């Protein structure tokens, strides 16, 4: 049983011009693929962990053997984060949020525009590599950032959606213009998937986890 790289739910060029084909190809096949490969290599050293999903692994890092803990944190987090990332984007996405997540955003931030401003600002200010998130905890939503491939799951928060601000996510097209990437990204967000994740947060039900081969 091994963790697998999930296929993209759309063509590599489907998010043009916001995300270019070359970036998507490298990001999915090479970067996400490497996280999956390295996670499997770490788990091979401790077969007792082979039946656990990547989400289960990163939710309780203290229970992971110390010799592979950093590898699981980095690569398990990268696997979970990216599996979410591909799903929360779609061709011809964007627009204002709809459904329950729209109501939650308005309640927490006053308006979607104010939320976008704060979310993008947090993404710009994330030093180095990392993610900016709309996360949930104790029934409420909030903006948070994490360094590297850390997930809100590791601190008990639910990742409703996040944007990848590692340079490999945008540099080929946007170079060092991270604010421009963050502003454009809203045009490909998949609010239907975000609402599904928000519902999972509200009901306490786990979203579909990254598949394990042979499950």
N, C-alpha and C. Protein backbone atom coordinates (compact mmCIF):
# COMPACT_ATOMS: atom_id res chain seq x y z
N UNK A 1 0.85 -1.19 0.00
CA UNK A 1 0.00 0.00 0.00
C UNK A 1 0.89 1.24 0.00
N UNK A 2 0.69 2.09 -0.96
CA UNK A 2 1.53 3.28 -1.09
C UNK A 2 0.66 4.48 -1.41
N UNK A 3 1.14 5.64 -1.02
CA UNK A 3 0.46 6.88 -1.37
C UNK A 3 0.66 7.13 -2.87
N UNK A 4 -0.35 7.68 -3.50
CA UNK A 4 -0.32 7.88 -4.95
C UNK A 4 -0.51 9.35 -5.30
N UNK A 5 0.11 9.75 -6.41
CA UNK A 5 -0.10 11.08 -6.96
C UNK A 5 -1.47 11.12 -7.63
N UNK A 6 -2.40 11.94 -7.16
CA UNK A 6 -3.71 11.98 -7.81
C UNK A 6 -3.62 12.70 -9.15
N UNK A 7 -4.39 12.28 -10.13
CA UNK A 7 -4.38 12.98 -11.41
C UNK A 7 -5.02 14.35 -11.29
N UNK A 8 -4.59 15.27 -12.14
CA UNK A 8 -5.27 16.57 -12.19
C UNK A 8 -6.71 16.37 -12.64
N UNK A 9 -7.65 17.13 -12.09
CA UNK A 9 -9.04 17.00 -12.53
C UNK A 9 -9.35 17.79 -13.81
N UNK A 10 -8.30 18.29 -14.47
CA UNK A 10 -8.45 19.06 -15.70
C UNK A 10 -7.13 18.98 -16.45
N UNK A 11 -7.10 19.48 -17.66
CA UNK A 11 -5.89 19.48 -18.48
C UNK A 11 -4.85 20.44 -17.91
N UNK A 12 -3.59 20.18 -18.18
CA UNK A 12 -2.51 21.04 -17.69
C UNK A 12 -2.67 22.50 -18.11
N UNK A 13 -3.27 22.74 -19.27
CA UNK A 13 -3.42 24.11 -19.77
C UNK A 13 -4.78 24.70 -19.43
N UNK A 14 -5.58 23.99 -18.67
CA UNK A 14 -6.98 24.39 -18.47
C UNK A 14 -7.13 25.68 -17.66
N UNK A 15 -6.13 26.04 -16.87
CA UNK A 15 -6.25 27.24 -16.04
C UNK A 15 -5.54 28.45 -16.64
N UNK A 16 -5.11 28.32 -17.88
CA UNK A 16 -4.55 29.47 -18.59
C UNK A 16 -5.61 30.57 -18.68
N UNK A 17 -5.25 31.85 -18.63
CA UNK A 17 -3.88 32.37 -18.49
C UNK A 17 -3.43 32.56 -17.04
N UNK A 18 -4.28 32.22 -16.07
CA UNK A 18 -3.93 32.47 -14.67
C UNK A 18 -2.75 31.59 -14.25
N UNK A 19 -2.85 30.30 -14.54
CA UNK A 19 -1.75 29.37 -14.27
C UNK A 19 -1.33 28.76 -15.60
N UNK A 20 -0.10 28.98 -16.00
CA UNK A 20 0.35 28.52 -17.31
C UNK A 20 0.61 27.01 -17.32
N UNK A 21 0.57 26.44 -18.51
CA UNK A 21 0.69 24.99 -18.68
C UNK A 21 2.01 24.46 -18.14
N UNK A 22 3.10 25.16 -18.40
CA UNK A 22 4.40 24.68 -17.95
C UNK A 22 4.49 24.64 -16.43
N UNK A 23 3.99 25.69 -15.79
CA UNK A 23 3.99 25.71 -14.33
C UNK A 23 3.15 24.57 -13.78
N UNK A 24 1.96 24.37 -14.35
CA UNK A 24 1.09 23.31 -13.85
C UNK A 24 1.73 21.93 -14.02
N UNK A 25 2.37 21.71 -15.14
CA UNK A 25 3.02 20.43 -15.41
C UNK A 25 4.13 20.16 -14.40
N UNK A 26 5.00 21.14 -14.21
CA UNK A 26 6.11 20.98 -13.27
C UNK A 26 5.60 20.87 -11.84
N UNK A 27 4.61 21.68 -11.50
CA UNK A 27 4.10 21.73 -10.14
C UNK A 27 3.46 20.39 -9.77
N UNK A 28 2.61 19.88 -10.63
CA UNK A 28 1.93 18.62 -10.35
C UNK A 28 2.86 17.42 -10.48
N UNK A 29 3.47 17.27 -11.64
CA UNK A 29 4.22 16.04 -11.92
C UNK A 29 5.52 15.95 -11.13
N UNK A 30 6.24 17.05 -11.04
CA UNK A 30 7.56 17.01 -10.43
C UNK A 30 7.52 17.32 -8.93
N UNK A 31 6.91 18.43 -8.56
CA UNK A 31 6.91 18.82 -7.14
C UNK A 31 5.99 17.92 -6.32
N UNK A 32 4.72 17.84 -6.70
CA UNK A 32 3.81 16.97 -5.95
C UNK A 32 4.27 15.52 -6.06
N UNK A 33 4.71 15.13 -7.24
CA UNK A 33 5.21 13.77 -7.42
C UNK A 33 6.35 13.45 -6.48
N UNK A 34 7.24 14.41 -6.24
CA UNK A 34 8.37 14.20 -5.34
C UNK A 34 7.91 14.05 -3.90
N UNK A 35 6.89 14.82 -3.50
CA UNK A 35 6.37 14.69 -2.14
C UNK A 35 5.83 13.27 -1.92
N UNK A 36 5.10 12.76 -2.89
CA UNK A 36 4.54 11.41 -2.78
C UNK A 36 5.66 10.37 -2.70
N UNK A 37 6.64 10.48 -3.58
CA UNK A 37 7.76 9.54 -3.59
C UNK A 37 8.52 9.56 -2.26
N UNK A 38 8.78 10.75 -1.75
CA UNK A 38 9.55 10.86 -0.51
C UNK A 38 8.74 10.42 0.71
N UNK A 39 7.44 10.65 0.67
CA UNK A 39 6.59 10.17 1.76
C UNK A 39 6.59 8.65 1.80
N UNK A 40 6.44 8.03 0.65
CA UNK A 40 6.46 6.57 0.60
C UNK A 40 7.80 6.01 1.08
N UNK A 41 8.89 6.67 0.71
CA UNK A 41 10.21 6.21 1.14
C UNK A 41 10.35 6.28 2.65
N UNK A 42 9.80 7.32 3.26
CA UNK A 42 9.86 7.44 4.71
C UNK A 42 9.02 6.36 5.39
N UNK A 43 7.82 6.14 4.87
CA UNK A 43 6.90 5.17 5.48
C UNK A 43 7.45 3.74 5.37
N UNK A 44 8.22 3.47 4.32
CA UNK A 44 8.80 2.13 4.17
C UNK A 44 9.67 1.74 5.37
N UNK A 45 10.21 2.72 6.06
CA UNK A 45 11.07 2.45 7.21
C UNK A 45 10.25 2.05 8.44
N UNK A 46 8.94 2.34 8.39
CA UNK A 46 8.06 2.02 9.52
C UNK A 46 6.76 1.46 8.96
N UNK A 47 6.75 0.18 8.59
CA UNK A 47 5.59 -0.43 7.94
C UNK A 47 4.30 -0.33 8.75
N UNK A 48 4.40 -0.14 10.05
CA UNK A 48 3.19 -0.03 10.87
C UNK A 48 2.36 1.21 10.52
N UNK A 49 2.97 2.14 9.80
CA UNK A 49 2.27 3.37 9.40
C UNK A 49 1.65 3.27 8.01
N UNK A 50 1.86 2.14 7.35
CA UNK A 50 1.47 2.02 5.94
C UNK A 50 -0.03 2.16 5.71
N UNK A 51 -0.86 1.85 6.69
CA UNK A 51 -2.30 1.92 6.49
C UNK A 51 -2.90 3.28 6.77
N UNK A 52 -2.10 4.23 7.20
CA UNK A 52 -2.62 5.55 7.56
C UNK A 52 -2.62 6.50 6.36
N UNK A 53 -3.66 7.31 6.27
CA UNK A 53 -3.70 8.33 5.22
C UNK A 53 -2.68 9.42 5.53
N UNK A 54 -2.35 10.21 4.53
CA UNK A 54 -1.41 11.32 4.75
C UNK A 54 -1.98 12.31 5.75
N UNK A 55 -3.28 12.53 5.72
CA UNK A 55 -3.89 13.45 6.68
C UNK A 55 -3.75 12.93 8.10
N UNK A 56 -3.99 11.64 8.29
CA UNK A 56 -3.84 11.06 9.62
C UNK A 56 -2.41 11.20 10.12
N UNK A 57 -1.44 11.04 9.23
CA UNK A 57 -0.04 11.14 9.62
C UNK A 57 0.32 12.52 10.12
N UNK A 58 -0.13 13.56 9.42
CA UNK A 58 0.29 14.91 9.79
C UNK A 58 -0.56 15.52 10.91
N UNK A 59 -1.69 14.90 11.20
CA UNK A 59 -2.53 15.41 12.30
C UNK A 59 -1.88 15.18 13.65
N UNK A 60 -1.04 14.17 13.76
CA UNK A 60 -0.42 13.83 15.04
C UNK A 60 1.05 13.51 14.82
N UNK A 61 1.81 14.54 14.50
CA UNK A 61 3.22 14.34 14.18
C UNK A 61 4.02 13.83 15.38
N UNK A 62 3.57 14.12 16.59
CA UNK A 62 4.29 13.64 17.76
C UNK A 62 4.31 12.12 17.84
N UNK A 63 3.33 11.49 17.18
CA UNK A 63 3.26 10.03 17.20
C UNK A 63 4.12 9.38 16.11
N UNK A 64 4.69 10.20 15.24
CA UNK A 64 5.53 9.68 14.16
C UNK A 64 6.94 9.45 14.69
N UNK A 65 7.54 8.31 14.38
CA UNK A 65 8.92 8.06 14.84
C UNK A 65 9.85 9.21 14.47
N UNK A 66 10.72 9.53 15.39
CA UNK A 66 11.54 10.73 15.22
C UNK A 66 12.42 10.69 13.98
N UNK A 67 12.85 9.50 13.58
CA UNK A 67 13.78 9.43 12.45
C UNK A 67 13.12 9.78 11.12
N UNK A 68 11.78 9.74 11.05
CA UNK A 68 11.09 10.10 9.81
C UNK A 68 10.12 11.26 10.01
N UNK A 69 10.09 11.83 11.19
CA UNK A 69 9.08 12.87 11.49
C UNK A 69 9.20 14.06 10.56
N UNK A 70 10.40 14.56 10.33
CA UNK A 70 10.58 15.71 9.46
C UNK A 70 10.17 15.38 8.02
N UNK A 71 10.51 14.19 7.56
CA UNK A 71 10.13 13.79 6.20
C UNK A 71 8.63 13.68 6.05
N UNK A 72 7.96 13.14 7.06
CA UNK A 72 6.50 13.03 7.01
C UNK A 72 5.86 14.41 7.08
N UNK A 73 6.40 15.27 7.93
CA UNK A 73 5.86 16.63 8.05
C UNK A 73 5.95 17.36 6.72
N UNK A 74 7.11 17.31 6.10
CA UNK A 74 7.33 18.05 4.85
C UNK A 74 6.61 17.42 3.67
N UNK A 75 6.77 16.12 3.51
CA UNK A 75 6.25 15.45 2.32
C UNK A 75 4.79 15.03 2.47
N UNK A 76 4.41 14.62 3.68
CA UNK A 76 2.99 14.36 3.93
C UNK A 76 2.18 15.63 3.83
N UNK A 77 2.72 16.71 4.39
CA UNK A 77 2.05 18.00 4.27
C UNK A 77 1.95 18.45 2.82
N UNK A 78 3.04 18.28 2.07
CA UNK A 78 3.01 18.65 0.66
C UNK A 78 1.99 17.85 -0.13
N UNK A 79 1.87 16.56 0.20
CA UNK A 79 0.90 15.71 -0.48
C UNK A 79 -0.54 16.15 -0.18
N UNK A 80 -0.84 16.37 1.09
CA UNK A 80 -2.18 16.79 1.48
C UNK A 80 -2.52 18.17 0.93
N UNK A 81 -1.59 19.10 1.06
CA UNK A 81 -1.84 20.47 0.60
C UNK A 81 -2.11 20.52 -0.90
N UNK A 82 -1.31 19.80 -1.66
CA UNK A 82 -1.47 19.85 -3.11
C UNK A 82 -2.69 19.08 -3.60
N UNK A 83 -3.01 17.99 -2.92
CA UNK A 83 -4.23 17.26 -3.29
C UNK A 83 -5.45 18.16 -3.15
N UNK A 84 -5.46 18.96 -2.10
CA UNK A 84 -6.50 19.97 -1.92
C UNK A 84 -6.43 21.04 -3.00
N UNK A 85 -5.22 21.50 -3.30
CA UNK A 85 -5.02 22.64 -4.19
C UNK A 85 -5.57 22.39 -5.58
N UNK A 86 -5.30 21.21 -6.15
CA UNK A 86 -5.80 20.94 -7.50
C UNK A 86 -7.33 20.96 -7.53
N UNK A 87 -7.95 20.48 -6.47
CA UNK A 87 -9.41 20.37 -6.45
C UNK A 87 -10.11 21.70 -6.27
N UNK A 88 -9.47 22.64 -5.57
CA UNK A 88 -10.16 23.90 -5.32
C UNK A 88 -9.96 24.90 -6.45
N UNK A 89 -9.40 24.45 -7.56
CA UNK A 89 -9.30 25.28 -8.75
C UNK A 89 -10.06 24.60 -9.89
N UNK A 90 -10.53 25.39 -10.84
CA UNK A 90 -11.20 24.84 -12.00
C UNK A 90 -11.19 25.85 -13.14
N UNK A 91 -11.31 25.38 -14.39
CA UNK A 91 -11.44 26.31 -15.52
C UNK A 91 -12.72 27.12 -15.37
N UNK A 92 -12.66 28.36 -15.76
CA UNK A 92 -13.82 29.26 -15.70
C UNK A 92 -14.38 29.35 -14.29
N UNK A 93 -13.50 29.34 -13.31
CA UNK A 93 -13.92 29.47 -11.93
C UNK A 93 -14.01 30.92 -11.53
N UNK A 94 -13.85 31.17 -10.26
CA UNK A 94 -13.82 32.53 -9.76
C UNK A 94 -15.18 33.11 -9.48
N UNK A 95 -15.24 34.43 -9.50
CA UNK A 95 -16.45 35.13 -9.13
C UNK A 95 -16.59 35.20 -7.62
N UNK A 96 -17.70 35.77 -7.18
CA UNK A 96 -17.95 35.86 -5.74
C UNK A 96 -18.31 34.49 -5.18
N UNK A 97 -17.98 34.25 -3.94
CA UNK A 97 -18.35 32.97 -3.33
C UNK A 97 -19.86 32.83 -3.22
N UNK A 98 -20.31 31.59 -3.17
CA UNK A 98 -21.72 31.30 -3.04
C UNK A 98 -21.92 30.37 -1.85
N UNK A 99 -23.17 30.18 -1.48
CA UNK A 99 -23.49 29.18 -0.47
C UNK A 99 -23.02 29.52 0.93
N UNK A 100 -22.95 28.51 1.79
CA UNK A 100 -22.60 28.72 3.19
C UNK A 100 -21.25 29.37 3.42
N UNK A 101 -20.27 29.08 2.58
CA UNK A 101 -18.95 29.67 2.80
C UNK A 101 -18.99 31.17 2.56
N UNK A 102 -19.85 31.63 1.65
CA UNK A 102 -20.01 33.06 1.42
C UNK A 102 -20.55 33.74 2.67
N UNK A 103 -21.52 33.10 3.31
CA UNK A 103 -22.10 33.64 4.53
C UNK A 103 -21.07 33.68 5.65
N UNK A 104 -20.24 32.64 5.74
CA UNK A 104 -19.23 32.60 6.78
C UNK A 104 -18.18 33.69 6.57
N UNK A 105 -17.80 33.91 5.33
CA UNK A 105 -16.81 34.95 5.01
C UNK A 105 -17.36 36.33 5.36
N UNK A 106 -18.61 36.58 4.98
CA UNK A 106 -19.23 37.87 5.27
C UNK A 106 -19.33 38.10 6.77
N UNK A 107 -19.70 37.05 7.50
CA UNK A 107 -19.82 37.17 8.96
C UNK A 107 -18.48 37.48 9.61
N UNK A 108 -17.43 36.82 9.12
CA UNK A 108 -16.12 36.96 9.76
C UNK A 108 -15.37 38.22 9.32
N UNK A 109 -15.57 38.63 8.08
CA UNK A 109 -14.73 39.70 7.53
C UNK A 109 -15.50 40.92 7.04
N UNK A 110 -16.81 40.89 7.07
CA UNK A 110 -17.61 42.04 6.67
C UNK A 110 -18.05 42.00 5.23
N UNK A 111 -17.13 41.61 4.34
CA UNK A 111 -17.45 41.49 2.92
C UNK A 111 -16.41 40.61 2.26
N UNK A 112 -16.76 40.08 1.10
CA UNK A 112 -15.80 39.27 0.36
C UNK A 112 -14.60 40.10 -0.07
N UNK A 113 -14.83 41.34 -0.46
CA UNK A 113 -13.73 42.20 -0.89
C UNK A 113 -12.74 42.43 0.26
N UNK A 114 -13.26 42.68 1.46
CA UNK A 114 -12.38 42.87 2.61
C UNK A 114 -11.60 41.59 2.91
N UNK A 115 -12.29 40.45 2.78
CA UNK A 115 -11.61 39.17 2.99
C UNK A 115 -10.49 38.97 1.98
N UNK A 116 -10.77 39.22 0.70
CA UNK A 116 -9.74 39.07 -0.34
C UNK A 116 -8.52 39.93 -0.03
N UNK A 117 -8.76 41.16 0.38
CA UNK A 117 -7.66 42.07 0.68
C UNK A 117 -6.79 41.52 1.80
N UNK A 118 -7.42 41.03 2.86
CA UNK A 118 -6.68 40.51 4.00
C UNK A 118 -5.98 39.19 3.66
N UNK A 119 -6.65 38.34 2.87
CA UNK A 119 -6.07 37.07 2.46
C UNK A 119 -4.84 37.31 1.59
N UNK A 120 -4.98 38.19 0.59
CA UNK A 120 -3.85 38.48 -0.29
C UNK A 120 -2.70 39.12 0.47
N UNK A 121 -3.02 40.00 1.39
CA UNK A 121 -1.98 40.67 2.18
C UNK A 121 -1.22 39.65 3.02
N UNK A 122 -1.93 38.70 3.60
CA UNK A 122 -1.26 37.66 4.38
C UNK A 122 -0.37 36.81 3.49
N UNK A 123 -0.84 36.54 2.26
CA UNK A 123 -0.04 35.76 1.32
C UNK A 123 1.22 36.49 0.89
N UNK A 124 1.11 37.78 0.68
CA UNK A 124 2.27 38.59 0.30
C UNK A 124 3.29 38.60 1.43
N UNK A 125 2.82 38.69 2.67
CA UNK A 125 3.71 38.84 3.82
C UNK A 125 4.28 37.52 4.33
N UNK A 126 3.80 36.39 3.81
CA UNK A 126 4.38 35.11 4.21
C UNK A 126 5.82 35.06 3.72
N UNK A 127 6.75 35.09 4.64
CA UNK A 127 8.16 35.17 4.27
C UNK A 127 8.63 33.83 3.72
N UNK A 128 9.31 33.88 2.59
CA UNK A 128 9.82 32.65 1.98
C UNK A 128 8.69 31.81 1.44
N UNK A 129 8.84 30.50 1.56
CA UNK A 129 7.86 29.57 1.01
C UNK A 129 6.77 29.27 2.03
N UNK A 130 5.58 28.98 1.53
CA UNK A 130 4.50 28.64 2.45
C UNK A 130 3.14 28.73 1.79
N UNK A 131 2.11 28.81 2.62
CA UNK A 131 0.72 28.83 2.17
C UNK A 131 -0.05 29.88 2.95
N UNK A 132 -1.10 30.40 2.32
CA UNK A 132 -2.07 31.25 3.01
C UNK A 132 -3.41 30.53 2.94
N UNK A 133 -4.13 30.53 4.07
CA UNK A 133 -5.32 29.69 4.21
C UNK A 133 -6.54 30.45 4.70
N UNK A 134 -7.71 29.98 4.28
CA UNK A 134 -8.93 30.19 5.04
C UNK A 134 -9.12 28.89 5.80
N UNK A 135 -8.99 28.96 7.11
CA UNK A 135 -9.06 27.77 7.94
C UNK A 135 -10.22 27.90 8.92
N UNK A 136 -10.59 26.77 9.49
CA UNK A 136 -11.68 26.76 10.45
C UNK A 136 -11.24 26.17 11.77
N UNK A 137 -11.77 26.72 12.85
CA UNK A 137 -11.51 26.19 14.19
C UNK A 137 -12.63 26.67 15.12
N UNK A 138 -13.11 25.78 15.95
CA UNK A 138 -14.17 26.10 16.91
C UNK A 138 -15.39 26.73 16.24
N UNK A 139 -15.71 26.24 15.05
CA UNK A 139 -16.91 26.68 14.35
C UNK A 139 -16.77 27.98 13.58
N UNK A 140 -15.62 28.63 13.66
CA UNK A 140 -15.42 29.91 12.99
C UNK A 140 -14.30 29.81 11.95
N UNK A 141 -14.30 30.76 11.01
CA UNK A 141 -13.26 30.77 9.98
C UNK A 141 -12.29 31.93 10.23
N UNK A 142 -11.05 31.75 9.79
CA UNK A 142 -10.03 32.77 9.98
C UNK A 142 -8.95 32.58 8.92
N UNK A 143 -8.15 33.61 8.72
CA UNK A 143 -7.00 33.56 7.81
C UNK A 143 -5.77 33.17 8.62
N UNK A 144 -4.97 32.27 8.07
CA UNK A 144 -3.71 31.93 8.70
C UNK A 144 -2.69 31.60 7.62
N UNK A 145 -1.43 31.66 7.96
CA UNK A 145 -0.38 31.24 7.05
C UNK A 145 0.43 30.14 7.71
N UNK A 146 1.06 29.32 6.88
CA UNK A 146 1.96 28.28 7.38
C UNK A 146 3.23 28.30 6.54
N UNK A 147 4.37 28.02 7.14
CA UNK A 147 5.61 27.97 6.38
C UNK A 147 5.77 26.64 5.67
N UNK A 148 6.55 26.64 4.63
CA UNK A 148 6.93 25.41 3.92
C UNK A 148 5.68 24.62 3.52
N UNK A 149 5.61 23.32 3.85
CA UNK A 149 4.42 22.54 3.53
C UNK A 149 3.60 22.21 4.78
N UNK A 150 3.74 22.99 5.82
CA UNK A 150 2.94 22.76 7.01
C UNK A 150 1.46 22.96 6.71
N UNK A 151 0.64 22.16 7.36
CA UNK A 151 -0.81 22.21 7.17
C UNK A 151 -1.49 22.72 8.42
N UNK A 152 -2.61 23.43 8.27
CA UNK A 152 -3.39 23.79 9.46
C UNK A 152 -3.77 22.57 10.29
N UNK A 153 -3.84 21.40 9.66
CA UNK A 153 -4.20 20.18 10.39
C UNK A 153 -3.25 19.89 11.54
N UNK A 154 -1.99 20.29 11.41
CA UNK A 154 -1.01 19.96 12.43
C UNK A 154 -1.24 20.74 13.73
N UNK A 155 -2.02 21.81 13.65
CA UNK A 155 -2.34 22.58 14.87
C UNK A 155 -3.83 22.50 15.17
N UNK A 156 -4.51 21.51 14.60
CA UNK A 156 -5.91 21.28 14.91
C UNK A 156 -6.89 22.17 14.20
N UNK A 157 -6.47 22.85 13.14
CA UNK A 157 -7.36 23.69 12.36
C UNK A 157 -7.70 22.98 11.05
N UNK A 158 -8.83 23.33 10.47
CA UNK A 158 -9.28 22.66 9.25
C UNK A 158 -8.97 23.53 8.03
N UNK A 159 -8.24 23.02 7.04
CA UNK A 159 -7.92 23.81 5.84
C UNK A 159 -9.10 23.84 4.87
N UNK A 160 -9.89 24.91 4.92
CA UNK A 160 -11.04 25.04 4.02
C UNK A 160 -10.55 25.28 2.59
N UNK A 161 -9.63 26.21 2.41
CA UNK A 161 -8.89 26.32 1.15
C UNK A 161 -7.63 27.12 1.39
N UNK A 162 -6.67 26.94 0.50
CA UNK A 162 -5.41 27.66 0.64
C UNK A 162 -4.80 27.95 -0.71
N UNK A 163 -3.94 28.94 -0.73
CA UNK A 163 -3.19 29.26 -1.94
C UNK A 163 -1.71 29.04 -1.69
N UNK A 164 -1.07 28.41 -2.63
CA UNK A 164 0.34 28.05 -2.55
C UNK A 164 1.18 29.27 -2.94
N UNK A 165 2.01 29.76 -2.01
CA UNK A 165 2.86 30.90 -2.34
C UNK A 165 4.34 30.51 -2.41
N UNK A 166 4.61 29.22 -2.59
CA UNK A 166 5.97 28.84 -2.97
C UNK A 166 6.26 29.44 -4.35
N UNK A 167 7.49 29.81 -4.60
CA UNK A 167 7.82 30.42 -5.89
C UNK A 167 7.54 29.49 -7.06
N UNK A 168 7.65 28.16 -6.85
CA UNK A 168 7.41 27.26 -7.97
C UNK A 168 5.96 27.29 -8.43
N UNK A 169 5.05 27.86 -7.63
CA UNK A 169 3.64 27.93 -8.00
C UNK A 169 3.36 29.06 -8.99
N UNK A 170 4.27 30.02 -9.08
CA UNK A 170 3.94 31.19 -9.90
C UNK A 170 5.12 31.82 -10.65
N UNK A 171 6.36 31.41 -10.38
CA UNK A 171 7.51 32.20 -10.82
C UNK A 171 7.70 32.23 -12.34
N UNK A 172 7.35 31.15 -13.04
CA UNK A 172 7.57 31.14 -14.49
C UNK A 172 6.76 32.21 -15.19
N UNK A 173 5.56 32.48 -14.68
CA UNK A 173 4.69 33.48 -15.30
C UNK A 173 4.79 34.85 -14.63
N UNK A 174 4.82 34.86 -13.31
CA UNK A 174 4.73 36.12 -12.58
C UNK A 174 6.08 36.59 -12.05
N UNK A 175 7.13 35.79 -12.21
CA UNK A 175 8.45 36.12 -11.68
C UNK A 175 8.34 36.44 -10.18
N UNK A 176 8.82 37.60 -9.76
CA UNK A 176 8.77 37.93 -8.34
C UNK A 176 7.52 38.72 -7.95
N UNK A 177 6.54 38.74 -8.84
CA UNK A 177 5.33 39.55 -8.61
C UNK A 177 4.26 38.72 -7.89
N UNK A 178 4.55 38.32 -6.68
CA UNK A 178 3.61 37.49 -5.92
C UNK A 178 2.25 38.18 -5.75
N UNK A 179 2.19 39.49 -5.48
CA UNK A 179 0.87 40.12 -5.35
C UNK A 179 0.02 39.97 -6.61
N UNK A 180 0.64 40.02 -7.77
CA UNK A 180 -0.10 39.87 -9.02
C UNK A 180 -0.66 38.45 -9.15
N UNK A 181 0.13 37.47 -8.78
CA UNK A 181 -0.34 36.08 -8.79
C UNK A 181 -1.52 35.89 -7.83
N UNK A 182 -1.38 36.40 -6.61
CA UNK A 182 -2.44 36.25 -5.63
C UNK A 182 -3.75 36.89 -6.10
N UNK A 183 -3.64 38.06 -6.75
CA UNK A 183 -4.84 38.73 -7.24
C UNK A 183 -5.49 37.96 -8.38
N UNK A 184 -4.67 37.39 -9.27
CA UNK A 184 -5.20 36.66 -10.42
C UNK A 184 -5.80 35.31 -10.03
N UNK A 185 -5.28 34.71 -8.98
CA UNK A 185 -5.67 33.36 -8.60
C UNK A 185 -7.16 33.21 -8.32
N UNK A 186 -7.79 34.28 -7.86
CA UNK A 186 -9.22 34.21 -7.55
C UNK A 186 -10.07 33.88 -8.78
N UNK A 187 -9.51 34.05 -9.97
CA UNK A 187 -10.26 33.77 -11.19
C UNK A 187 -10.36 32.28 -11.53
N UNK A 188 -9.69 31.44 -10.76
CA UNK A 188 -9.77 30.00 -11.01
C UNK A 188 -10.26 29.23 -9.79
N UNK A 189 -10.66 29.92 -8.73
CA UNK A 189 -11.09 29.20 -7.53
C UNK A 189 -12.41 28.47 -7.80
N UNK A 190 -12.54 27.30 -7.24
CA UNK A 190 -13.71 26.44 -7.42
C UNK A 190 -14.55 26.53 -6.14
N UNK A 191 -15.55 27.41 -6.15
CA UNK A 191 -16.34 27.63 -4.95
C UNK A 191 -17.19 26.42 -4.58
N UNK A 192 -17.55 25.60 -5.55
CA UNK A 192 -18.31 24.38 -5.24
C UNK A 192 -17.48 23.46 -4.34
N UNK A 193 -16.22 23.27 -4.71
CA UNK A 193 -15.33 22.42 -3.91
C UNK A 193 -15.06 23.07 -2.55
N UNK A 194 -14.90 24.38 -2.54
CA UNK A 194 -14.67 25.07 -1.27
C UNK A 194 -15.87 24.88 -0.34
N UNK A 195 -17.07 24.96 -0.89
CA UNK A 195 -18.26 24.74 -0.07
C UNK A 195 -18.33 23.32 0.45
N UNK A 196 -17.89 22.37 -0.35
CA UNK A 196 -17.86 20.98 0.11
C UNK A 196 -16.90 20.82 1.28
N UNK A 197 -15.76 21.49 1.21
CA UNK A 197 -14.80 21.43 2.30
C UNK A 197 -15.31 22.18 3.52
N UNK A 198 -16.00 23.29 3.30
CA UNK A 198 -16.58 24.03 4.42
C UNK A 198 -17.64 23.18 5.12
N UNK A 199 -18.43 22.46 4.36
CA UNK A 199 -19.44 21.57 4.94
C UNK A 199 -18.77 20.48 5.76
N UNK A 200 -17.65 19.94 5.25
CA UNK A 200 -16.91 18.93 6.00
C UNK A 200 -16.41 19.50 7.33
N UNK A 201 -15.97 20.75 7.31
CA UNK A 201 -15.53 21.41 8.54
C UNK A 201 -16.69 21.57 9.52
N UNK A 202 -17.83 22.04 9.04
CA UNK A 202 -18.96 22.31 9.91
C UNK A 202 -19.56 21.03 10.51
N UNK A 203 -19.55 19.97 9.73
CA UNK A 203 -20.16 18.72 10.20
C UNK A 203 -19.17 17.80 10.90
N UNK A 204 -17.89 18.14 10.82
CA UNK A 204 -16.87 17.30 11.44
C UNK A 204 -16.54 16.06 10.63
N UNK A 205 -17.03 16.01 9.40
CA UNK A 205 -16.74 14.85 8.54
C UNK A 205 -15.50 15.13 7.71
N UNK A 206 -14.63 14.17 7.61
CA UNK A 206 -13.39 14.35 6.85
C UNK A 206 -13.69 14.43 5.36
N UNK A 207 -12.96 15.28 4.66
CA UNK A 207 -13.05 15.29 3.22
C UNK A 207 -12.34 14.05 2.70
N UNK A 208 -12.53 13.75 1.42
CA UNK A 208 -11.90 12.57 0.85
C UNK A 208 -10.39 12.70 0.95
N UNK A 209 -9.77 11.73 1.54
CA UNK A 209 -8.33 11.79 1.77
C UNK A 209 -7.57 11.28 0.56
N UNK A 210 -6.31 11.67 0.45
CA UNK A 210 -5.48 11.13 -0.63
C UNK A 210 -5.50 9.62 -0.61
N UNK A 211 -5.67 9.04 -1.78
CA UNK A 211 -5.85 7.60 -1.87
C UNK A 211 -4.57 6.84 -1.57
N UNK A 212 -4.75 5.66 -1.02
CA UNK A 212 -3.64 4.72 -0.85
C UNK A 212 -3.83 3.60 -1.88
N UNK A 213 -2.80 3.28 -2.57
CA UNK A 213 -2.88 2.20 -3.54
C UNK A 213 -3.25 0.90 -2.83
N UNK A 214 -4.18 0.19 -3.41
CA UNK A 214 -4.56 -1.09 -2.85
C UNK A 214 -5.59 -1.00 -1.75
N UNK A 215 -6.11 0.21 -1.48
CA UNK A 215 -7.13 0.35 -0.45
C UNK A 215 -8.41 -0.33 -0.87
